[in-house]
Amino acid sequence: MFFKHKLAKRQCDILFEISRPSDGWEGFDITINGENHYFNPCWTMGDMLGAFIEVLYKLYIEIPDENCSTNDSRVKYICNDELYPSHITDLKASIWWDNEGEIFEWVISRHIDNGFDVEIEINTFTHNGDKKYYYNVSYFDLCYAVAKATTKLLINTGFVGYKYLSEADSININYLLHVKYAGIFKEHIPRLNYDSFDNKEFLKDEIELLLFEM
């Protein structure tokens, strides 16, 4: 078993809900610091849930990387360390939610020296004018809220069903496992536990984690 502790629900101040996709549209309802945001993007116009989970997975770096030449389409790796120019100091990712006329851009930034706090900038472009919102939240709380909502959705649709309902979006199981584990235990899945190739418990543990209702 790769769980250090028993799977258990925990308190999370971020509220996240995902509606069942229909005809390529998907509703997101999120509350941060008491402020609510709702957006209903279409797959033909921008990102959806799969991109959000991918970004959360890629924002988890425990130690500055020795090579900042990583070319990633989702996350920008920034190196601002004068003593060690090859070390990653900051990560920045953006998600583009397009509601055909109303656009919501999320910019999520993490400064490695600040541990696992992330900054969220939400830029809204609507018929009623443009607005900006700023939040500082726990990376692990954000992971927990998203993984909880995703689990609730997948229990009713499955991975293949979600793909059909959203028409184009898909959820990477590997990314979701890491995000869900980080949200629950506030750490990486222990990689050393995978050194043994004869352990038949790995898949059982992963399925247990996927099915756990948070």
C-alpha atoms as a PDB file:
ATOM      1  CA  MET A   1       0.000   0.000   0.000  1.00  0.00           C
ATOM      2  CA  PHE A   2       1.325   3.455  -0.807  1.00  0.00           C
ATOM      3  CA  PHE A   3      -0.961   5.286   1.621  1.00  0.00           C
ATOM      4  CA  LYS A   4       0.937   6.538   4.677  1.00  0.00           C
ATOM      5  CA  HIS A   5      -2.341   7.129   6.460  1.00  0.00           C
ATOM      6  CA  LYS A   6      -5.930   6.028   6.046  1.00  0.00           C
ATOM      7  CA  LEU A   7      -7.925   7.821   3.377  1.00  0.00           C
ATOM      8  CA  ALA A   8     -10.082  10.399   5.135  1.00  0.00           C
ATOM      9  CA  LYS A   9     -12.112  13.480   4.332  1.00  0.00           C
ATOM     10  CA  ARG A  10     -10.859  16.817   5.630  1.00  0.00           C
ATOM     11  CA  GLN A  11     -12.064  20.394   5.934  1.00  0.00           C
ATOM     12  CA  CYS A  12     -11.506  22.591   2.878  1.00  0.00           C
ATOM     13  CA  ASP A  13     -12.475  26.254   2.599  1.00  0.00           C
ATOM     14  CA  ILE A  14     -12.668  26.215  -1.206  1.00  0.00           C
ATOM     15  CA  LEU A  15     -15.976  25.024  -2.654  1.00  0.00           C
ATOM     16  CA  PHE A  16     -16.001  23.613  -6.172  1.00  0.00           C
ATOM     17  CA  GLU A  17     -18.895  22.101  -8.114  1.00  0.00           C
ATOM     18  CA  ILE A  18     -18.966  20.731 -11.650  1.00  0.00           C
ATOM     19  CA  SER A  19     -22.188  20.136 -13.538  1.00  0.00           C
ATOM     20  CA  ARG A  20     -22.642  17.125 -15.783  1.00  0.00           C
ATOM     21  CA  PRO A  21     -21.376  18.070 -19.275  1.00  0.00           C
ATOM     22  CA  SER A  22     -23.940  18.300 -22.056  1.00  0.00           C
ATOM     23  CA  ASP A  23     -23.342  18.832 -25.772  1.00  0.00           C
ATOM     24  CA  GLY A  24     -19.806  20.052 -25.119  1.00  0.00           C
ATOM     25  CA  TRP A  25     -20.768  22.561 -22.387  1.00  0.00           C
ATOM     26  CA  GLU A  26     -19.673  22.232 -18.774  1.00  0.00           C
ATOM     27  CA  GLY A  27     -20.635  24.348 -15.756  1.00  0.00           C
ATOM     28  CA  PHE A  28     -18.181  25.273 -12.985  1.00  0.00           C
ATOM     29  CA  ASP A  29     -19.209  26.879  -9.700  1.00  0.00           C
ATOM     30  CA  ILE A  30     -16.384  27.863  -7.341  1.00  0.00           C
ATOM     31  CA  THR A  31     -16.335  29.822  -4.093  1.00  0.00           C
ATOM     32  CA  ILE A  32     -13.037  31.259  -2.798  1.00  0.00           C
ATOM     33  CA  ASN A  33     -12.832  33.406   0.331  1.00  0.00           C
ATOM     34  CA  GLY A  34     -16.600  33.758   0.288  1.00  0.00           C
ATOM     35  CA  GLU A  35     -16.725  35.060  -3.299  1.00  0.00           C
ATOM     36  CA  ASN A  36     -18.542  33.005  -5.912  1.00  0.00           C
ATOM     37  CA  HIS A  37     -17.638  32.580  -9.589  1.00  0.00           C
ATOM     38  CA  TYR A  38     -19.666  30.658 -12.153  1.00  0.00           C
ATOM     39  CA  PHE A  39     -18.624  29.911 -15.714  1.00  0.00           C
ATOM     40  CA  ASN A  40     -19.987  27.589 -18.370  1.00  0.00           C
ATOM     41  CA  PRO A  41     -17.284  27.007 -21.015  1.00  0.00           C
ATOM     42  CA  CYS A  42     -17.660  25.261 -24.343  1.00  0.00           C
ATOM     43  CA  TRP A  43     -14.987  22.841 -25.532  1.00  0.00           C
ATOM     44  CA  THR A  44     -14.805  24.483 -28.966  1.00  0.00           C
ATOM     45  CA  MET A  45     -13.715  27.807 -27.447  1.00  0.00           C
ATOM     46  CA  GLY A  46     -11.165  27.005 -24.742  1.00  0.00           C
ATOM     47  CA  ASP A  47     -10.069  24.832 -21.840  1.00  0.00           C
ATOM     48  CA  MET A  48     -12.170  22.543 -19.681  1.00  0.00           C
ATOM     49  CA  LEU A  49     -11.718  20.298 -16.626  1.00  0.00           C
ATOM     50  CA  GLY A  50      -8.925  18.144 -18.050  1.00  0.00           C
ATOM     51  CA  ALA A  51      -6.699  21.195 -18.512  1.00  0.00           C
ATOM     52  CA  PHE A  52      -7.357  22.371 -14.952  1.00  0.00           C
ATOM     53  CA  ILE A  53      -6.288  19.019 -13.482  1.00  0.00           C
ATOM     54  CA  GLU A  54      -3.193  18.964 -15.717  1.00  0.00           C
ATOM     55  CA  VAL A  55      -2.154  22.413 -14.517  1.00  0.00           C
ATOM     56  CA  LEU A  56      -2.578  21.474 -10.842  1.00  0.00           C
ATOM     57  CA  TYR A  57      -0.444  18.376 -11.385  1.00  0.00           C
ATOM     58  CA  LYS A  58       2.335  20.345 -13.083  1.00  0.00           C
ATOM     59  CA  LEU A  59       2.393  23.093 -10.439  1.00  0.00           C
ATOM     60  CA  TYR A  60       3.686  20.587  -7.868  1.00  0.00           C
ATOM     61  CA  ILE A  61       7.472  20.867  -7.746  1.00  0.00           C
ATOM     62  CA  GLU A  62       9.055  20.254  -4.344  1.00  0.00           C
ATOM     63  CA  ILE A  63      12.648  21.198  -5.177  1.00  0.00           C
ATOM     64  CA  PRO A  64      13.856  23.672  -7.845  1.00  0.00           C
ATOM     65  CA  ASP A  65      14.603  21.747 -11.019  1.00  0.00           C
ATOM     66  CA  GLU A  66      18.164  21.452 -12.245  1.00  0.00           C
ATOM     67  CA  ASN A  67      17.064  22.210 -15.764  1.00  0.00           C
ATOM     68  CA  CYS A  68      14.663  25.063 -16.530  1.00  0.00           C
ATOM     69  CA  SER A  69      14.629  24.449 -20.280  1.00  0.00           C
ATOM     70  CA  THR A  70      11.373  22.513 -19.935  1.00  0.00           C
ATOM     71  CA  ASN A  71       9.083  23.449 -22.782  1.00  0.00           C
ATOM     72  CA  ASP A  72       5.535  23.019 -21.527  1.00  0.00           C
ATOM     73  CA  SER A  73       2.383  24.254 -23.214  1.00  0.00           C
ATOM     74  CA  ARG A  74       0.494  24.590 -19.924  1.00  0.00           C
ATOM     75  CA  VAL A  75       2.974  25.816 -17.324  1.00  0.00           C
ATOM     76  CA  LYS A  76       5.665  28.474 -17.659  1.00  0.00           C
ATOM     77  CA  TYR A  77       8.843  27.717 -15.693  1.00  0.00           C
ATOM     78  CA  ILE A  78      10.593  30.871 -14.483  1.00  0.00           C
ATOM     79  CA  CYS A  79      14.218  30.991 -13.278  1.00  0.00           C
ATOM     80  CA  ASN A  80      15.045  34.078 -11.203  1.00  0.00           C
ATOM     81  CA  ASP A  81      17.793  32.693  -8.973  1.00  0.00           C
ATOM     82  CA  GLU A  82      20.958  34.748  -9.555  1.00  0.00           C
ATOM     83  CA  LEU A  83      23.213  32.240  -7.779  1.00  0.00           C
ATOM     84  CA  TYR A  84      21.692  29.200  -9.490  1.00  0.00           C
ATOM     85  CA  PRO A  85      20.345  30.380 -12.870  1.00  0.00           C
ATOM     86  CA  SER A  86      19.137  26.897 -13.805  1.00  0.00           C
ATOM     87  CA  HIS A  87      16.849  26.588 -10.774  1.00  0.00           C
ATOM     88  CA  ILE A  88      13.129  27.082 -11.199  1.00  0.00           C
ATOM     89  CA  THR A  89      11.905  29.759  -8.790  1.00  0.00           C
ATOM     90  CA  ASP A  90       8.356  30.341 -10.020  1.00  0.00           C
ATOM     91  CA  LEU A  91       5.659  28.522 -11.934  1.00  0.00           C
ATOM     92  CA  LYS A  92       2.800  30.198 -13.769  1.00  0.00           C
ATOM     93  CA  ALA A  93      -0.101  28.644 -15.620  1.00  0.00           C
ATOM     94  CA  SER A  94      -3.185  30.018 -17.301  1.00  0.00           C
ATOM     95  CA  ILE A  95      -6.574  28.488 -18.055  1.00  0.00           C
ATOM     96  CA  TRP A  96      -8.885  30.025 -20.632  1.00  0.00           C
ATOM     97  CA  TRP A  97     -12.600  29.413 -19.975  1.00  0.00           C
ATOM     98  CA  ASP A  98     -14.684  30.716 -22.893  1.00  0.00           C
ATOM     99  CA  ASN A  99     -18.449  30.990 -22.602  1.00  0.00           C
ATOM    100  CA  GLU A 100     -18.959  32.324 -26.151  1.00  0.00           C
ATOM    101  CA  GLY A 101     -19.064  36.004 -25.314  1.00  0.00           C
ATOM    102  CA  GLU A 102     -17.956  35.825 -21.689  1.00  0.00           C
ATOM    103  CA  ILE A 103     -14.332  34.904 -21.052  1.00  0.00           C
ATOM    104  CA  PHE A 104     -12.750  33.917 -17.750  1.00  0.00           C
ATOM    105  CA  GLU A 105      -8.972  33.702 -17.634  1.00  0.00           C
ATOM    106  CA  TRP A 106      -7.385  32.060 -14.608  1.00  0.00           C
ATOM    107  CA  VAL A 107      -3.701  32.701 -13.926  1.00  0.00           C
ATOM    108  CA  ILE A 108      -2.305  30.476 -11.176  1.00  0.00           C
ATOM    109  CA  SER A 109       1.194  31.304  -9.869  1.00  0.00           C
ATOM    110  CA  ARG A 110       3.388  29.542  -7.363  1.00  0.00           C
ATOM    111  CA  HIS A 111       6.632  30.858  -5.883  1.00  0.00           C
ATOM    112  CA  ILE A 112       8.761  27.910  -4.824  1.00  0.00           C
ATOM    113  CA  ASP A 113      10.163  29.776  -1.801  1.00  0.00           C
ATOM    114  CA  ASN A 114       6.611  30.322  -0.514  1.00  0.00           C
ATOM    115  CA  GLY A 115       6.020  26.618  -0.143  1.00  0.00           C
ATOM    116  CA  PHE A 116       2.614  25.497  -1.292  1.00  0.00           C
ATOM    117  CA  ASP A 117       0.670  28.730  -1.370  1.00  0.00           C
ATOM    118  CA  VAL A 118      -0.564  29.805  -4.796  1.00  0.00           C
ATOM    119  CA  GLU A 119      -1.805  33.093  -6.165  1.00  0.00           C
ATOM    120  CA  ILE A 120      -4.922  33.062  -8.313  1.00  0.00           C
ATOM    121  CA  GLU A 121      -5.754  35.934 -10.630  1.00  0.00           C
ATOM    122  CA  ILE A 122      -9.151  35.763 -12.301  1.00  0.00           C
ATOM    123  CA  ASN A 123      -9.704  38.087 -15.254  1.00  0.00           C
ATOM    124  CA  THR A 124     -13.283  38.312 -16.471  1.00  0.00           C
ATOM    125  CA  PHE A 125     -14.252  39.792 -19.824  1.00  0.00           C
ATOM    126  CA  THR A 126     -18.023  40.133 -20.134  1.00  0.00           C
ATOM    127  CA  HIS A 127     -20.663  42.329 -21.761  1.00  0.00           C
ATOM    128  CA  ASN A 128     -20.944  44.169 -18.424  1.00  0.00           C
ATOM    129  CA  GLY A 129     -17.255  45.129 -18.401  1.00  0.00           C
ATOM    130  CA  ASP A 130     -13.932  43.645 -17.355  1.00  0.00           C
ATOM    131  CA  LYS A 131     -13.000  42.754 -13.778  1.00  0.00           C
ATOM    132  CA  LYS A 132     -10.028  41.305 -11.890  1.00  0.00           C
ATOM    133  CA  TYR A 133     -10.024  39.199  -8.737  1.00  0.00           C
ATOM    134  CA  TYR A 134      -7.013  38.139  -6.672  1.00  0.00           C
ATOM    135  CA  TYR A 135      -6.744  35.319  -4.150  1.00  0.00           C
ATOM    136  CA  ASN A 136      -4.018  33.614  -2.112  1.00  0.00           C
ATOM    137  CA  VAL A 137      -4.916  30.037  -1.286  1.00  0.00           C
ATOM    138  CA  SER A 138      -3.349  26.749  -0.287  1.00  0.00           C
ATOM    139  CA  TYR A 139      -2.291  24.643  -3.261  1.00  0.00           C
ATOM    140  CA  PHE A 140      -3.420  21.550  -1.370  1.00  0.00           C
ATOM    141  CA  ASP A 141      -6.863  23.032  -0.686  1.00  0.00           C
ATOM    142  CA  LEU A 142      -7.266  23.845  -4.369  1.00  0.00           C
ATOM    143  CA  CYS A 143      -6.288  20.265  -5.248  1.00  0.00           C
ATOM    144  CA  TYR A 144      -8.711  18.888  -2.674  1.00  0.00           C
ATOM    145  CA  ALA A 145     -11.655  20.969  -3.916  1.00  0.00           C
ATOM    146  CA  VAL A 146     -11.059  20.101  -7.576  1.00  0.00           C
ATOM    147  CA  ALA A 147     -10.431  16.394  -6.894  1.00  0.00           C
ATOM    148  CA  LYS A 148     -13.548  16.173  -4.715  1.00  0.00           C
ATOM    149  CA  ALA A 149     -15.759  17.679  -7.431  1.00  0.00           C
ATOM    150  CA  THR A 150     -14.121  15.570 -10.149  1.00  0.00           C
ATOM    151  CA  THR A 151     -14.664  12.363  -8.160  1.00  0.00           C
ATOM    152  CA  LYS A 152     -18.334  13.228  -7.650  1.00  0.00           C
ATOM    153  CA  LEU A 153     -18.698  13.844 -11.384  1.00  0.00           C
ATOM    154  CA  LEU A 154     -16.867  10.689 -12.487  1.00  0.00           C
ATOM    155  CA  ILE A 155     -18.873   8.440 -10.169  1.00  0.00           C
ATOM    156  CA  ASN A 156     -21.887   9.411 -12.280  1.00  0.00           C
ATOM    157  CA  THR A 157     -20.242   9.450 -15.718  1.00  0.00           C
ATOM    158  CA  GLY A 158     -17.057   7.368 -15.691  1.00  0.00           C
ATOM    159  CA  PHE A 159     -13.989   8.443 -17.676  1.00  0.00           C
ATOM    160  CA  VAL A 160     -15.364   7.316 -21.046  1.00  0.00           C
ATOM    161  CA  GLY A 161     -18.788   8.763 -20.308  1.00  0.00           C
ATOM    162  CA  TYR A 162     -17.238  12.091 -19.402  1.00  0.00           C
ATOM    163  CA  LYS A 163     -15.342  12.097 -22.695  1.00  0.00           C
ATOM    164  CA  TYR A 164     -18.549  11.518 -24.666  1.00  0.00           C
ATOM    165  CA  LEU A 165     -20.598  14.078 -22.732  1.00  0.00           C
ATOM    166  CA  SER A 166     -17.953  16.800 -23.005  1.00  0.00           C
ATOM    167  CA  GLU A 167     -17.421  15.869 -26.683  1.00  0.00           C
ATOM    168  CA  ALA A 168     -13.688  16.617 -26.654  1.00  0.00           C
ATOM    169  CA  ASP A 169     -12.289  16.861 -23.126  1.00  0.00           C
ATOM    170  CA  SER A 170     -10.624  13.965 -21.306  1.00  0.00           C
ATOM    171  CA  ILE A 171      -9.219  13.481 -17.807  1.00  0.00           C
ATOM    172  CA  ASN A 172      -5.721  12.045 -17.398  1.00  0.00           C
ATOM    173  CA  ILE A 173      -5.920   9.331 -14.714  1.00  0.00           C
ATOM    174  CA  ASN A 174      -2.268   9.798 -13.699  1.00  0.00           C
ATOM    175  CA  TYR A 175      -2.746  13.556 -13.192  1.00  0.00           C
ATOM    176  CA  LEU A 176      -5.949  13.020 -11.217  1.00  0.00           C
ATOM    177  CA  LEU A 177      -4.345  10.422  -8.933  1.00  0.00           C
ATOM    178  CA  HIS A 178      -1.523  12.819  -8.055  1.00  0.00           C
ATOM    179  CA  VAL A 179      -3.834  15.805  -7.542  1.00  0.00           C
ATOM    180  CA  LYS A 180      -6.213  13.785  -5.374  1.00  0.00           C
ATOM    181  CA  TYR A 181      -3.409  12.332  -3.261  1.00  0.00           C
ATOM    182  CA  ALA A 182      -1.882  15.799  -2.801  1.00  0.00           C
ATOM    183  CA  GLY A 183      -5.249  17.201  -1.767  1.00  0.00           C
ATOM    184  CA  ILE A 184      -5.844  14.512   0.851  1.00  0.00           C
ATOM    185  CA  PHE A 185      -2.344  13.977   2.263  1.00  0.00           C
ATOM    186  CA  LYS A 186      -0.661  17.286   1.338  1.00  0.00           C
ATOM    187  CA  GLU A 187       2.298  15.525  -0.280  1.00  0.00           C
ATOM    188  CA  HIS A 188       3.368  13.552  -3.354  1.00  0.00           C
ATOM    189  CA  ILE A 189       2.504   9.914  -3.918  1.00  0.00           C
ATOM    190  CA  PRO A 190       5.632   8.188  -2.501  1.00  0.00           C
ATOM    191  CA  ARG A 191       7.658   7.174  -5.542  1.00  0.00           C
ATOM    192  CA  LEU A 192       9.948   4.758  -3.671  1.00  0.00           C
ATOM    193  CA  ASN A 193       7.003   2.452  -3.064  1.00  0.00           C
ATOM    194  CA  TYR A 194       6.898   1.739  -6.790  1.00  0.00           C
ATOM    195  CA  ASP A 195      10.423   0.292  -6.881  1.00  0.00           C
ATOM    196  CA  SER A 196       9.062  -3.225  -6.481  1.00  0.00           C
ATOM    197  CA  PHE A 197       7.614  -4.592  -9.704  1.00  0.00           C
ATOM    198  CA  ASP A 198       6.056  -7.583  -7.939  1.00  0.00           C
ATOM    199  CA  ASN A 199       3.600  -5.648  -5.800  1.00  0.00           C
ATOM    200  CA  LYS A 200       0.102  -6.514  -6.964  1.00  0.00           C
ATOM    201  CA  GLU A 201      -1.425  -3.962  -4.585  1.00  0.00           C
ATOM    202  CA  PHE A 202      -0.544  -0.890  -6.662  1.00  0.00           C
ATOM    203  CA  LEU A 203      -3.567  -1.011  -8.949  1.00  0.00           C
ATOM    204  CA  LYS A 204      -5.900  -1.808  -6.048  1.00  0.00           C
ATOM    205  CA  ASP A 205      -4.579   1.198  -4.134  1.00  0.00           C
ATOM    206  CA  GLU A 206      -4.955   3.472  -7.121  1.00  0.00           C
ATOM    207  CA  ILE A 207      -8.530   2.335  -7.777  1.00  0.00           C
ATOM    208  CA  GLU A 208      -9.339   2.795  -4.087  1.00  0.00           C
ATOM    209  CA  LEU A 209      -7.989   6.325  -4.285  1.00  0.00           C
ATOM    210  CA  LEU A 210      -9.956   7.077  -7.467  1.00  0.00           C
ATOM    211  CA  LEU A 211     -13.217   5.861  -5.936  1.00  0.00           C
ATOM    212  CA  PHE A 212     -12.779   7.526  -2.546  1.00  0.00           C
ATOM    213  CA  GLU A 213     -15.540  10.113  -2.057  1.00  0.00           C
ATOM    214  CA  MET A 214     -14.064  13.150  -0.358  1.00  0.00           C
END
